Amino acid sequence: MDAAQPPPADRGFLRREFNLPTDSTVCLAVGRLVRVKGYDVLVEAIKQAASHMSNIVCVIVGEGEAHEELTRQIHEAGLDGRVILAGYLPRETIASALASWPSRYEGTPIAVLEAAAMACPILASDAGGIPELVANEEHALLVQPEDPSALAQGLIRLGADRAFARRLGENAQRRVRDYRKAWAKFNRER
């Protein structure tokens, strides 16, 4: 994905595709539906955040072996319609949707870079390679893994403080652009 040329944002795509209310705060998560990704933690975080944010909706894009388990968890938590398992969406569609939405939870560094390139506020686990890519409170909001309460508080904070969320996204985008420039310079000088 070219960080300098993000895809055009289709601000209405998710609302149209999933019939979401216009005042929704949307959390978009993208990745394989496998246990290691922690989507069960995300579902629990949405349940907790919903008591503070009546308009929060989570769209999870991806397919995988945890689909049935997540479907059951969503239903048992009373989150049908609030947490949507969208299944597979083409990469271009995901990129366009990412460019449109204010908050996001994702666990893979590639997706973090893609979100940063499009100035999306990032809410992610402080695990793996993610802290090497983005600094907490500067480029992203990082929370401890396996902590649905911390994730819920992050969702609430990003939903309530839009200026902070926007600043995180802009800082992350600037960081990706700086990396790209440095990489291009390195390659020219080799």
C-alpha atoms as a PDB file:
ATOM      1  CA  MET A   1       0.000   0.000   0.000  1.00  0.00           C
ATOM      2  CA  ASP A   2       1.376   3.419  -0.933  1.00  0.00           C
ATOM      3  CA  ALA A   3       1.380   5.623   2.179  1.00  0.00           C
ATOM      4  CA  ALA A   4       1.597   8.745   0.035  1.00  0.00           C
ATOM      5  CA  GLN A   5      -1.483   7.771  -1.982  1.00  0.00           C
ATOM      6  CA  PRO A   6      -4.172   6.359   0.299  1.00  0.00           C
ATOM      7  CA  PRO A   7      -7.280   5.089  -1.458  1.00  0.00           C
ATOM      8  CA  PRO A   8     -10.230   7.411  -1.697  1.00  0.00           C
ATOM      9  CA  ALA A   9     -12.365   7.185   1.407  1.00  0.00           C
ATOM     10  CA  ASP A  10     -15.870   5.879   0.902  1.00  0.00           C
ATOM     11  CA  ARG A  11     -17.329   7.364   4.056  1.00  0.00           C
ATOM     12  CA  GLY A  12     -20.660   5.684   3.512  1.00  0.00           C
ATOM     13  CA  PHE A  13     -19.488   2.160   2.696  1.00  0.00           C
ATOM     14  CA  LEU A  14     -19.736   0.555   6.144  1.00  0.00           C
ATOM     15  CA  ARG A  15     -22.957   2.384   6.977  1.00  0.00           C
ATOM     16  CA  ARG A  16     -24.564   1.256   3.709  1.00  0.00           C
ATOM     17  CA  GLU A  17     -23.141  -2.255   3.740  1.00  0.00           C
ATOM     18  CA  PHE A  18     -24.202  -3.024   7.315  1.00  0.00           C
ATOM     19  CA  ASN A  19     -27.101  -0.574   7.727  1.00  0.00           C
ATOM     20  CA  LEU A  20     -25.389   1.265  10.600  1.00  0.00           C
ATOM     21  CA  PRO A  21     -26.958   4.301  12.254  1.00  0.00           C
ATOM     22  CA  THR A  22     -25.448   7.608  11.140  1.00  0.00           C
ATOM     23  CA  ASP A  23     -24.374   8.495  14.688  1.00  0.00           C
ATOM     24  CA  SER A  24     -22.435   5.230  15.236  1.00  0.00           C
ATOM     25  CA  THR A  25     -18.908   5.188  16.557  1.00  0.00           C
ATOM     26  CA  VAL A  26     -17.381   2.392  14.517  1.00  0.00           C
ATOM     27  CA  CYS A  27     -14.507   0.176  15.566  1.00  0.00           C
ATOM     28  CA  LEU A  28     -13.062  -1.649  12.564  1.00  0.00           C
ATOM     29  CA  ALA A  29     -10.932  -4.755  13.133  1.00  0.00           C
ATOM     30  CA  VAL A  30      -9.296  -6.608  10.269  1.00  0.00           C
ATOM     31  CA  GLY A  31      -7.557  -9.976  10.333  1.00  0.00           C
ATOM     32  CA  ARG A  32      -7.864 -13.733  10.346  1.00  0.00           C
ATOM     33  CA  LEU A  33     -10.454 -15.045  12.779  1.00  0.00           C
ATOM     34  CA  VAL A  34      -8.117 -17.168  14.858  1.00  0.00           C
ATOM     35  CA  ARG A  35      -7.857 -17.399  18.618  1.00  0.00           C
ATOM     36  CA  VAL A  36      -4.390 -15.847  18.785  1.00  0.00           C
ATOM     37  CA  LYS A  37      -5.745 -12.566  17.365  1.00  0.00           C
ATOM     38  CA  GLY A  38      -7.776 -11.976  20.522  1.00  0.00           C
ATOM     39  CA  TYR A  39     -11.128 -11.183  18.960  1.00  0.00           C
ATOM     40  CA  ASP A  40     -12.785 -12.734  22.005  1.00  0.00           C
ATOM     41  CA  VAL A  41     -11.108  -9.979  24.062  1.00  0.00           C
ATOM     42  CA  LEU A  42     -12.369  -7.372  21.603  1.00  0.00           C
ATOM     43  CA  VAL A  43     -15.949  -8.667  21.871  1.00  0.00           C
ATOM     44  CA  GLU A  44     -15.750  -8.464  25.668  1.00  0.00           C
ATOM     45  CA  ALA A  45     -14.297  -4.934  25.399  1.00  0.00           C
ATOM     46  CA  ILE A  46     -17.184  -3.860  23.142  1.00  0.00           C
ATOM     47  CA  LYS A  47     -19.625  -5.244  25.717  1.00  0.00           C
ATOM     48  CA  GLN A  48     -17.958  -3.162  28.436  1.00  0.00           C
ATOM     49  CA  ALA A  49     -17.623  -0.044  26.282  1.00  0.00           C
ATOM     50  CA  ALA A  50     -21.281  -0.238  25.228  1.00  0.00           C
ATOM     51  CA  SER A  51     -22.361   0.642  28.750  1.00  0.00           C
ATOM     52  CA  HIS A  52     -20.608   4.023  28.258  1.00  0.00           C
ATOM     53  CA  MET A  53     -21.064   4.428  24.506  1.00  0.00           C
ATOM     54  CA  SER A  54     -24.545   3.520  23.392  1.00  0.00           C
ATOM     55  CA  ASN A  55     -23.616   4.153  19.758  1.00  0.00           C
ATOM     56  CA  ILE A  56     -20.508   1.921  19.498  1.00  0.00           C
ATOM     57  CA  VAL A  57     -20.504  -0.698  16.746  1.00  0.00           C
ATOM     58  CA  CYS A  58     -17.690  -3.079  15.867  1.00  0.00           C
ATOM     59  CA  VAL A  59     -17.191  -4.508  12.383  1.00  0.00           C
ATOM     60  CA  ILE A  60     -14.765  -7.428  12.251  1.00  0.00           C
ATOM     61  CA  VAL A  61     -13.505  -8.201   8.757  1.00  0.00           C
ATOM     62  CA  GLY A  62     -11.969 -11.590   8.121  1.00  0.00           C
ATOM     63  CA  GLU A  63     -12.546 -15.308   7.996  1.00  0.00           C
ATOM     64  CA  GLY A  64     -11.185 -18.173  10.019  1.00  0.00           C
ATOM     65  CA  GLU A  65     -11.652 -21.046  12.381  1.00  0.00           C
ATOM     66  CA  ALA A  66     -12.862 -18.890  15.299  1.00  0.00           C
ATOM     67  CA  HIS A  67     -15.957 -17.668  13.409  1.00  0.00           C
ATOM     68  CA  GLU A  68     -18.404 -20.040  15.081  1.00  0.00           C
ATOM     69  CA  GLU A  69     -16.984 -19.421  18.564  1.00  0.00           C
ATOM     70  CA  LEU A  70     -17.129 -15.635  18.046  1.00  0.00           C
ATOM     71  CA  THR A  71     -20.687 -15.846  16.716  1.00  0.00           C
ATOM     72  CA  ARG A  72     -21.708 -17.696  19.863  1.00  0.00           C
ATOM     73  CA  GLN A  73     -19.876 -15.207  22.130  1.00  0.00           C
ATOM     74  CA  ILE A  74     -21.485 -12.234  20.383  1.00  0.00           C
ATOM     75  CA  HIS A  75     -24.960 -13.753  20.724  1.00  0.00           C
ATOM     76  CA  GLU A  76     -24.492 -14.757  24.381  1.00  0.00           C
ATOM     77  CA  ALA A  77     -23.220 -11.243  25.204  1.00  0.00           C
ATOM     78  CA  GLY A  78     -26.320  -9.693  23.611  1.00  0.00           C
ATOM     79  CA  LEU A  79     -24.192  -7.916  21.003  1.00  0.00           C
ATOM     80  CA  ASP A  80     -26.006  -9.096  17.863  1.00  0.00           C
ATOM     81  CA  GLY A  81     -26.075  -6.105  15.520  1.00  0.00           C
ATOM     82  CA  ARG A  82     -23.460  -4.288  17.602  1.00  0.00           C
ATOM     83  CA  VAL A  83     -20.563  -6.630  16.733  1.00  0.00           C
ATOM     84  CA  ILE A  84     -20.717  -7.661  13.092  1.00  0.00           C
ATOM     85  CA  LEU A  85     -18.662 -10.466  11.599  1.00  0.00           C
ATOM     86  CA  ALA A  86     -18.354  -9.147   8.058  1.00  0.00           C
ATOM     87  CA  GLY A  87     -16.417 -12.060   6.576  1.00  0.00           C
ATOM     88  CA  TYR A  88     -14.067 -11.510   3.673  1.00  0.00           C
ATOM     89  CA  LEU A  89     -13.868  -8.107   2.003  1.00  0.00           C
ATOM     90  CA  PRO A  90     -11.473  -7.240  -0.850  1.00  0.00           C
ATOM     91  CA  ARG A  91      -8.307  -5.386   0.196  1.00  0.00           C
ATOM     92  CA  GLU A  92      -9.332  -2.231  -1.708  1.00  0.00           C
ATOM     93  CA  THR A  93     -12.683  -2.170   0.089  1.00  0.00           C
ATOM     94  CA  ILE A  94     -10.985  -2.557   3.464  1.00  0.00           C
ATOM     95  CA  ALA A  95      -8.513   0.218   2.659  1.00  0.00           C
ATOM     96  CA  SER A  96     -11.320   2.544   1.648  1.00  0.00           C
ATOM     97  CA  ALA A  97     -13.247   1.724   4.811  1.00  0.00           C
ATOM     98  CA  LEU A  98     -10.124   2.238   6.948  1.00  0.00           C
ATOM     99  CA  ALA A  99      -9.668   5.676   5.465  1.00  0.00           C
ATOM    100  CA  SER A 100     -13.149   6.552   6.702  1.00  0.00           C
ATOM    101  CA  TRP A 101     -13.375   5.436  10.317  1.00  0.00           C
ATOM    102  CA  PRO A 102     -12.180   6.921  13.598  1.00  0.00           C
ATOM    103  CA  SER A 103     -11.135   3.997  15.760  1.00  0.00           C
ATOM    104  CA  ARG A 104      -9.646   0.636  15.137  1.00  0.00           C
ATOM    105  CA  TYR A 105      -8.282  -2.366  16.969  1.00  0.00           C
ATOM    106  CA  GLU A 106      -5.827  -4.573  15.166  1.00  0.00           C
ATOM    107  CA  GLY A 107      -3.112  -6.931  16.196  1.00  0.00           C
ATOM    108  CA  THR A 108      -0.789  -7.255  13.212  1.00  0.00           C
ATOM    109  CA  PRO A 109       2.019  -4.807  12.431  1.00  0.00           C
ATOM    110  CA  ILE A 110       1.208  -4.717   8.683  1.00  0.00           C
ATOM    111  CA  ALA A 111      -2.353  -3.622   9.397  1.00  0.00           C
ATOM    112  CA  VAL A 112      -1.028  -1.073  11.906  1.00  0.00           C
ATOM    113  CA  LEU A 113       1.201   0.409   9.194  1.00  0.00           C
ATOM    114  CA  GLU A 114      -1.690   0.484   6.721  1.00  0.00           C
ATOM    115  CA  ALA A 115      -3.922   2.244   9.244  1.00  0.00           C
ATOM    116  CA  ALA A 116      -1.133   4.688  10.085  1.00  0.00           C
ATOM    117  CA  ALA A 117      -0.592   5.462   6.400  1.00  0.00           C
ATOM    118  CA  MET A 118      -4.240   6.537   6.206  1.00  0.00           C
ATOM    119  CA  ALA A 119      -4.111   8.594   9.431  1.00  0.00           C
ATOM    120  CA  CYS A 120      -6.494   6.265  11.272  1.00  0.00           C
ATOM    121  CA  PRO A 121      -6.318   6.399  15.055  1.00  0.00           C
ATOM    122  CA  ILE A 122      -4.856   3.097  16.171  1.00  0.00           C
ATOM    123  CA  LEU A 123      -5.841   1.142  19.261  1.00  0.00           C
ATOM    124  CA  ALA A 124      -3.733  -1.988  19.554  1.00  0.00           C
ATOM    125  CA  SER A 125      -2.131  -4.407  21.968  1.00  0.00           C
ATOM    126  CA  ASP A 126       1.245  -3.480  23.404  1.00  0.00           C
ATOM    127  CA  ALA A 127       2.698  -6.731  22.109  1.00  0.00           C
ATOM    128  CA  GLY A 128       4.795  -8.234  19.353  1.00  0.00           C
ATOM    129  CA  GLY A 129       6.304  -5.725  16.951  1.00  0.00           C
ATOM    130  CA  ILE A 130       3.606  -3.110  17.443  1.00  0.00           C
ATOM    131  CA  PRO A 131       5.459  -1.017  20.096  1.00  0.00           C
ATOM    132  CA  GLU A 132       8.411  -0.839  17.701  1.00  0.00           C
ATOM    133  CA  LEU A 133       6.200   0.738  15.043  1.00  0.00           C
ATOM    134  CA  VAL A 134       4.148   3.177  17.103  1.00  0.00           C
ATOM    135  CA  ALA A 135       4.652   4.884  20.441  1.00  0.00           C
ATOM    136  CA  ASN A 136       1.863   4.863  23.009  1.00  0.00           C
ATOM    137  CA  GLU A 137      -0.007   8.171  23.310  1.00  0.00           C
ATOM    138  CA  GLU A 138       2.001   9.600  20.390  1.00  0.00           C
ATOM    139  CA  HIS A 139       1.108   7.499  17.336  1.00  0.00           C
ATOM    140  CA  ALA A 140      -1.346   5.031  18.862  1.00  0.00           C
ATOM    141  CA  LEU A 141      -3.121   4.025  22.010  1.00  0.00           C
ATOM    142  CA  LEU A 142      -1.534   0.780  23.203  1.00  0.00           C
ATOM    143  CA  VAL A 143      -3.124  -1.458  25.834  1.00  0.00           C
ATOM    144  CA  GLN A 144      -2.001  -4.616  27.553  1.00  0.00           C
ATOM    145  CA  PRO A 145      -2.904  -7.795  25.684  1.00  0.00           C
ATOM    146  CA  GLU A 146      -5.709  -9.969  27.029  1.00  0.00           C
ATOM    147  CA  ASP A 147      -7.192  -7.036  28.982  1.00  0.00           C
ATOM    148  CA  PRO A 148     -10.733  -6.320  27.758  1.00  0.00           C
ATOM    149  CA  SER A 149     -11.199  -3.554  30.351  1.00  0.00           C
ATOM    150  CA  ALA A 150      -8.128  -1.665  29.107  1.00  0.00           C
ATOM    151  CA  LEU A 151      -9.293  -2.130  25.522  1.00  0.00           C
ATOM    152  CA  ALA A 152     -12.778  -0.887  26.431  1.00  0.00           C
ATOM    153  CA  GLN A 153     -11.283   2.182  28.140  1.00  0.00           C
ATOM    154  CA  GLY A 154      -9.229   2.846  25.005  1.00  0.00           C
ATOM    155  CA  LEU A 155     -12.327   2.623  22.822  1.00  0.00           C
ATOM    156  CA  ILE A 156     -14.190   4.967  25.141  1.00  0.00           C
ATOM    157  CA  ARG A 157     -11.311   7.442  25.173  1.00  0.00           C
ATOM    158  CA  LEU A 158     -10.948   7.513  21.391  1.00  0.00           C
ATOM    159  CA  GLY A 159     -14.698   7.866  20.986  1.00  0.00           C
ATOM    160  CA  ALA A 160     -14.960  10.691  23.512  1.00  0.00           C
ATOM    161  CA  ASP A 161     -11.816  12.648  22.619  1.00  0.00           C
ATOM    162  CA  ARG A 162     -11.980  13.101  18.862  1.00  0.00           C
ATOM    163  CA  ALA A 163      -9.147  15.666  18.856  1.00  0.00           C
ATOM    164  CA  PHE A 164      -6.845  13.156  20.568  1.00  0.00           C
ATOM    165  CA  ALA A 165      -7.903  10.418  18.137  1.00  0.00           C
ATOM    166  CA  ARG A 166      -7.274  12.705  15.156  1.00  0.00           C
ATOM    167  CA  ARG A 167      -3.863  13.739  16.545  1.00  0.00           C
ATOM    168  CA  LEU A 168      -2.828  10.079  16.977  1.00  0.00           C
ATOM    169  CA  GLY A 169      -3.803   9.341  13.384  1.00  0.00           C
ATOM    170  CA  GLU A 170      -1.960  12.356  12.003  1.00  0.00           C
ATOM    171  CA  ASN A 171       1.173  11.566  14.031  1.00  0.00           C
ATOM    172  CA  ALA A 172       1.114   7.949  12.872  1.00  0.00           C
ATOM    173  CA  GLN A 173       0.744   9.005   9.248  1.00  0.00           C
ATOM    174  CA  ARG A 174       3.656  11.425   9.591  1.00  0.00           C
ATOM    175  CA  ARG A 175       5.777   8.626  11.077  1.00  0.00           C
ATOM    176  CA  VAL A 176       5.037   6.310   8.142  1.00  0.00           C
ATOM    177  CA  ARG A 177       5.884   9.070   5.660  1.00  0.00           C
ATOM    178  CA  ASP A 178       9.167   9.754   7.475  1.00  0.00           C
ATOM    179  CA  TYR A 179      10.036   6.035   7.362  1.00  0.00           C
ATOM    180  CA  ARG A 180       9.262   5.943   3.652  1.00  0.00           C
ATOM    181  CA  LYS A 181      11.474   8.961   2.968  1.00  0.00           C
ATOM    182  CA  ALA A 182      14.327   7.495   5.021  1.00  0.00           C
ATOM    183  CA  TRP A 183      13.985   4.136   3.258  1.00  0.00           C
ATOM    184  CA  ALA A 184      13.989   5.796  -0.173  1.00  0.00           C
ATOM    185  CA  LYS A 185      17.098   7.810   0.771  1.00  0.00           C
ATOM    186  CA  PHE A 186      18.815   4.662   2.051  1.00  0.00           C
ATOM    187  CA  ASN A 187      18.079   2.859  -1.213  1.00  0.00           C
ATOM    188  CA  ARG A 188      19.346   5.783  -3.325  1.00  0.00           C
ATOM    189  CA  GLU A 189      22.608   5.902  -1.390  1.00  0.00           C
ATOM    190  CA  ARG A 190      23.335   2.177  -1.642  1.00  0.00           C
END
